[in-house]
Amino acid sequence: MKNNPQSVPRQATASTPLTPKISLIIPAQNEAGSIGKVLDDVPEGVSEKIVVDNGSTDDTAAVARKHGATVLHEPRKGYGYACLKGMNYLGETSKPPDIVVFMDGDYSDYPEELPKVVAPILEDRYDLVIGARSKALREPGSMTPQQVFGNWLATFLMRLLFGARFTDLGPFRAIRYEAFKRLKMEDKTYGWTVEMQLKAIRHKLAYIEVPVRYKKRIGVSKVSGTVKGSIFAGVKILGWIFKYSIR
């Protein structure tokens, strides 16, 4: 069943904060060699940098603290578990942020592009912004063939079934905090990104993609770097898409 996504800009409102509070959540598992570089490249204007240590066996947590991050611990392995841990932490603060940014801890994203990713929200035109890893801006070899195919298949099905305009499931993304709460996110592992995008369509959030650069990560991916991880991620992503197609 097709939905009619509200991907057009929404009307600006007078309630937009003059100095929005931006929080950054970085899930990390055994990223001691990269997390410091990621944190050092985050531009000014971010209120709090949160690293969720997802059961690391190296010095990820210690390095993150040294480089100015708030460190949370989530022993249950899974990207979604880590992201939910960060969001639950923000929900318990006295003043939650206006915008939440998600970024990987492997240094494949360019943290200095964060202002470009949040700009459409700061202009009060969109609720969700996906940093799209366009081919023209990707370092050769930065995405595995299975990642490229998986992104193409998932976004093709989302266009076919829901009329969506996504081209990527990139992890570098920003969302208005109040909009995020409406999504009631559930996924604990590989389906976090696609669940967010599917629910954005369902809740008629105004969304847009902005092209971002992407480079080879430091270390080995826990998902695309293994056959098991690639298969499980693919099954979970397709499961979410077909789950929504029959609702």
Protein backbone atom coordinates (compact mmCIF):
# COMPACT_ATOMS: atom_id res chain seq x y z
CA MET A 1 0.00 0.00 0.00
CA LYS A 2 1.44 3.36 -1.00
CA ASN A 3 1.65 6.33 1.31
CA ASN A 4 1.97 9.94 0.26
CA PRO A 5 5.21 11.14 1.86
CA GLN A 6 5.43 14.77 2.88
CA SER A 7 8.94 15.30 1.58
CA VAL A 8 8.24 18.91 0.66
CA PRO A 9 9.41 21.67 3.03
CA ARG A 10 7.06 22.47 5.85
CA GLN A 11 6.06 26.03 6.71
CA ALA A 12 8.45 27.96 8.92
CA THR A 13 7.12 28.80 12.37
CA ALA A 14 7.84 31.58 14.83
CA SER A 15 8.65 29.01 17.52
CA THR A 16 11.98 27.98 16.00
CA PRO A 17 14.70 28.40 18.68
CA LEU A 18 17.17 31.19 17.94
CA THR A 19 20.04 29.10 19.29
CA PRO A 20 18.98 25.47 18.87
CA LYS A 21 20.50 22.87 21.13
CA ILE A 22 22.16 20.14 19.05
CA SER A 23 23.20 16.80 20.51
CA LEU A 24 25.37 14.27 18.68
CA ILE A 25 25.05 10.52 19.26
CA ILE A 26 27.85 8.22 18.11
CA PRO A 27 27.38 4.45 18.58
CA ALA A 28 30.80 2.82 18.90
CA GLN A 29 32.11 -0.69 19.34
CA ASN A 30 35.88 -1.16 19.42
CA GLU A 31 36.60 2.16 17.72
CA ALA A 32 39.53 3.27 19.90
CA GLY A 33 41.61 3.96 16.81
CA SER A 34 39.07 6.31 15.24
CA ILE A 35 36.76 7.82 17.85
CA GLY A 36 39.20 10.52 18.91
CA LYS A 37 39.57 11.71 15.30
CA VAL A 38 35.79 11.80 14.91
CA LEU A 39 35.29 13.85 18.07
CA ASP A 40 38.11 16.26 17.27
CA ASP A 41 36.56 17.07 13.88
CA VAL A 42 33.08 17.86 15.24
CA PRO A 43 32.55 21.59 14.65
CA GLU A 44 31.55 24.10 17.29
CA GLY A 45 27.85 24.51 17.97
CA VAL A 46 27.18 20.98 19.19
CA SER A 47 25.95 21.12 22.78
CA GLU A 48 26.93 17.60 23.74
CA LYS A 49 28.86 14.79 22.05
CA ILE A 50 27.61 11.42 23.27
CA VAL A 51 29.49 8.22 22.56
CA VAL A 52 27.56 5.04 23.33
CA ASP A 53 30.10 2.31 24.01
CA ASN A 54 28.38 -0.79 22.66
CA GLY A 55 30.27 -3.49 24.52
CA SER A 56 33.78 -2.55 23.41
CA THR A 57 36.74 -4.64 24.50
CA ASP A 58 39.28 -1.92 23.69
CA ASP A 59 39.83 1.64 25.00
CA THR A 60 36.96 3.24 23.07
CA ALA A 61 35.35 4.68 26.21
CA ALA A 62 38.58 6.07 27.65
CA VAL A 63 39.59 7.69 24.36
CA ALA A 64 36.12 9.19 23.92
CA ARG A 65 36.22 10.76 27.39
CA LYS A 66 39.69 12.14 26.73
CA HIS A 67 38.33 13.87 23.63
CA GLY A 68 35.42 15.52 25.41
CA ALA A 69 32.53 13.10 24.98
CA THR A 70 29.88 11.99 27.41
CA VAL A 71 30.23 8.20 27.46
CA LEU A 72 27.29 5.86 27.97
CA HIS A 73 27.57 2.08 28.18
CA GLU A 74 25.20 -0.29 26.38
CA PRO A 75 26.40 -3.90 26.77
CA ARG A 76 23.69 -5.35 24.53
CA LYS A 77 25.23 -5.55 21.08
CA GLY A 78 23.33 -3.78 18.32
CA TYR A 79 23.31 -0.44 16.53
CA GLY A 80 19.70 0.18 17.52
CA TYR A 81 20.39 -0.64 21.16
CA ALA A 82 23.18 1.95 21.18
CA CYS A 83 21.09 4.65 19.51
CA LEU A 84 18.15 4.03 21.85
CA LYS A 85 20.49 4.27 24.83
CA GLY A 86 21.60 7.70 23.67
CA MET A 87 18.04 8.87 23.03
CA ASN A 88 16.82 7.60 26.41
CA TYR A 89 19.64 9.54 28.06
CA LEU A 90 18.58 12.73 26.27
CA GLY A 91 14.97 12.17 27.27
CA GLU A 92 15.96 12.11 30.93
CA THR A 93 17.82 15.44 30.82
CA SER A 94 16.20 18.60 32.16
CA LYS A 95 16.32 20.23 28.71
CA PRO A 96 16.34 17.81 25.79
CA PRO A 97 17.90 19.02 22.53
CA ASP A 98 16.10 20.60 19.63
CA ILE A 99 18.02 18.51 17.08
CA VAL A 100 19.75 15.13 17.33
CA VAL A 101 22.51 14.10 14.93
CA PHE A 102 23.65 10.50 14.45
CA MET A 103 27.09 9.68 13.11
CA ASP A 104 29.29 6.59 12.98
CA GLY A 105 32.41 6.32 15.09
CA ASP A 106 34.66 4.75 12.45
CA TYR A 107 35.73 8.03 10.78
CA SER A 108 34.03 7.18 7.49
CA ASP A 109 31.82 10.26 7.80
CA TYR A 110 33.18 13.79 7.69
CA PRO A 111 32.12 15.38 11.02
CA GLU A 112 32.93 18.84 9.67
CA GLU A 113 29.93 18.46 7.34
CA LEU A 114 27.55 18.43 10.31
CA PRO A 115 26.45 22.05 9.70
CA LYS A 116 25.38 21.09 6.16
CA VAL A 117 23.34 18.17 7.49
CA VAL A 118 21.48 20.20 10.13
CA ALA A 119 20.99 23.32 7.97
CA PRO A 120 17.60 22.30 6.49
CA ILE A 121 16.26 21.79 10.02
CA LEU A 122 17.76 25.04 11.31
CA GLU A 123 15.97 26.82 8.49
CA ASP A 124 12.78 25.29 9.92
CA ARG A 125 11.96 23.63 6.63
CA TYR A 126 12.51 19.93 7.35
CA ASP A 127 12.18 17.45 10.21
CA LEU A 128 14.65 14.80 8.99
CA VAL A 129 17.83 15.11 6.94
CA ILE A 130 19.74 12.11 5.58
CA GLY A 131 23.39 12.53 4.63
CA ALA A 132 23.37 10.71 1.29
CA ARG A 133 26.64 9.05 0.34
CA SER A 134 26.49 9.97 -3.33
CA LYS A 135 28.80 8.07 -5.66
CA ALA A 136 30.49 11.26 -6.84
CA LEU A 137 31.58 12.10 -3.29
CA ARG A 138 32.50 8.60 -2.08
CA GLU A 139 36.11 7.51 -1.80
CA PRO A 140 36.62 4.44 -4.02
CA GLY A 141 36.22 1.30 -1.90
CA SER A 142 34.56 3.11 1.00
CA MET A 143 31.37 1.07 0.53
CA THR A 144 31.44 -2.65 -0.13
CA PRO A 145 29.54 -4.07 -3.13
CA GLN A 146 26.97 -5.55 -0.75
CA GLN A 147 26.43 -2.13 0.86
CA VAL A 148 25.95 -0.46 -2.52
CA PHE A 149 23.52 -3.14 -3.70
CA GLY A 150 21.66 -3.23 -0.37
CA ASN A 151 21.15 0.53 -0.39
CA TRP A 152 19.97 0.47 -3.98
CA LEU A 153 17.52 -2.38 -3.37
CA ALA A 154 16.10 -0.91 -0.16
CA THR A 155 15.58 2.57 -1.56
CA PHE A 156 14.18 1.17 -4.83
CA LEU A 157 11.57 -0.79 -2.87
CA MET A 158 10.76 2.25 -0.75
CA ARG A 159 10.17 4.29 -3.90
CA LEU A 160 8.09 1.52 -5.45
CA LEU A 161 5.95 0.71 -2.41
CA PHE A 162 5.67 4.06 -0.66
CA GLY A 163 6.58 6.71 -3.21
CA ALA A 164 9.60 7.69 -1.09
CA ARG A 165 12.43 9.83 -2.43
CA PHE A 166 15.32 8.34 -0.51
CA THR A 167 18.48 7.18 -2.29
CA ASP A 168 20.49 6.06 0.75
CA LEU A 169 20.20 4.62 4.26
CA GLY A 170 23.27 6.55 5.40
CA PRO A 171 23.95 6.67 9.16
CA PHE A 172 24.92 10.38 9.13
CA ARG A 173 21.58 12.04 9.75
CA ALA A 174 19.80 14.71 11.76
CA ILE A 175 16.27 14.79 13.10
CA ARG A 176 14.19 17.24 15.07
CA TYR A 177 13.90 15.85 18.61
CA GLU A 178 10.15 16.33 18.84
CA ALA A 179 9.71 14.59 15.48
CA PHE A 180 11.85 11.68 16.66
CA LYS A 181 9.60 11.09 19.66
CA ARG A 182 6.64 10.61 17.35
CA LEU A 183 8.39 7.72 15.59
CA LYS A 184 8.51 5.45 18.66
CA MET A 185 11.60 3.65 17.37
CA GLU A 186 11.88 -0.07 18.12
CA ASP A 187 14.68 -1.74 16.17
CA LYS A 188 17.62 -2.90 18.28
CA THR A 189 20.06 -3.97 15.59
CA TYR A 190 20.58 -3.50 11.87
CA GLY A 191 17.19 -2.05 10.93
CA TRP A 192 17.46 1.25 12.82
CA THR A 193 18.12 3.50 9.82
CA VAL A 194 15.46 2.05 7.53
CA GLU A 195 12.91 1.98 10.36
CA MET A 196 13.45 5.70 10.93
CA GLN A 197 12.96 6.47 7.25
CA LEU A 198 9.87 4.28 6.91
CA LYS A 199 8.30 5.83 9.99
CA ALA A 200 9.16 9.30 8.73
CA ILE A 201 7.07 8.50 5.65
CA ARG A 202 4.25 7.07 7.76
CA HIS A 203 4.17 10.13 10.05
CA LYS A 204 4.46 12.51 7.10
CA LEU A 205 7.64 14.16 8.30
CA ALA A 206 9.21 16.65 5.93
CA TYR A 207 12.48 15.06 4.86
CA ILE A 208 15.35 15.73 2.50
CA GLU A 209 18.72 14.24 1.55
CA VAL A 210 21.91 16.27 1.32
CA PRO A 211 24.99 14.82 -0.42
CA VAL A 212 27.91 14.13 1.91
CA ARG A 213 31.42 12.81 1.42
CA TYR A 214 32.31 9.32 2.58
CA LYS A 215 35.70 7.64 3.03
CA LYS A 216 37.14 4.29 3.95
CA ARG A 217 36.56 3.54 7.61
CA ILE A 218 39.28 2.88 10.15
CA GLY A 219 39.19 -0.79 11.16
CA VAL A 220 36.82 -3.53 10.02
CA SER A 221 33.06 -3.08 9.85
CA LYS A 222 31.03 -5.24 12.24
CA VAL A 223 28.24 -5.44 9.65
CA SER A 224 29.43 -5.16 6.04
CA GLY A 225 32.85 -6.54 6.95
CA THR A 226 31.46 -10.03 7.56
CA VAL A 227 29.23 -12.34 5.55
CA LYS A 228 27.04 -13.02 8.59
CA GLY A 229 26.62 -9.33 9.33
CA SER A 230 25.76 -8.49 5.73
CA ILE A 231 23.12 -11.24 5.55
CA PHE A 232 21.53 -10.32 8.88
CA ALA A 233 21.47 -6.63 7.96
CA GLY A 234 19.87 -7.37 4.61
CA VAL A 235 17.20 -9.59 6.14
CA LYS A 236 16.37 -7.01 8.81
CA ILE A 237 16.14 -4.12 6.34
CA LEU A 238 13.94 -6.02 3.90
CA GLY A 239 11.84 -7.24 6.81
CA TRP A 240 11.03 -3.68 7.85
CA ILE A 241 10.14 -2.68 4.30
CA PHE A 242 7.78 -5.59 3.71
CA LYS A 243 6.28 -5.19 7.19
CA TYR A 244 5.25 -1.66 6.30
CA SER A 245 4.08 -2.61 2.80
CA ILE A 246 1.26 -4.78 4.17
CA ARG A 247 0.01 -2.38 6.80
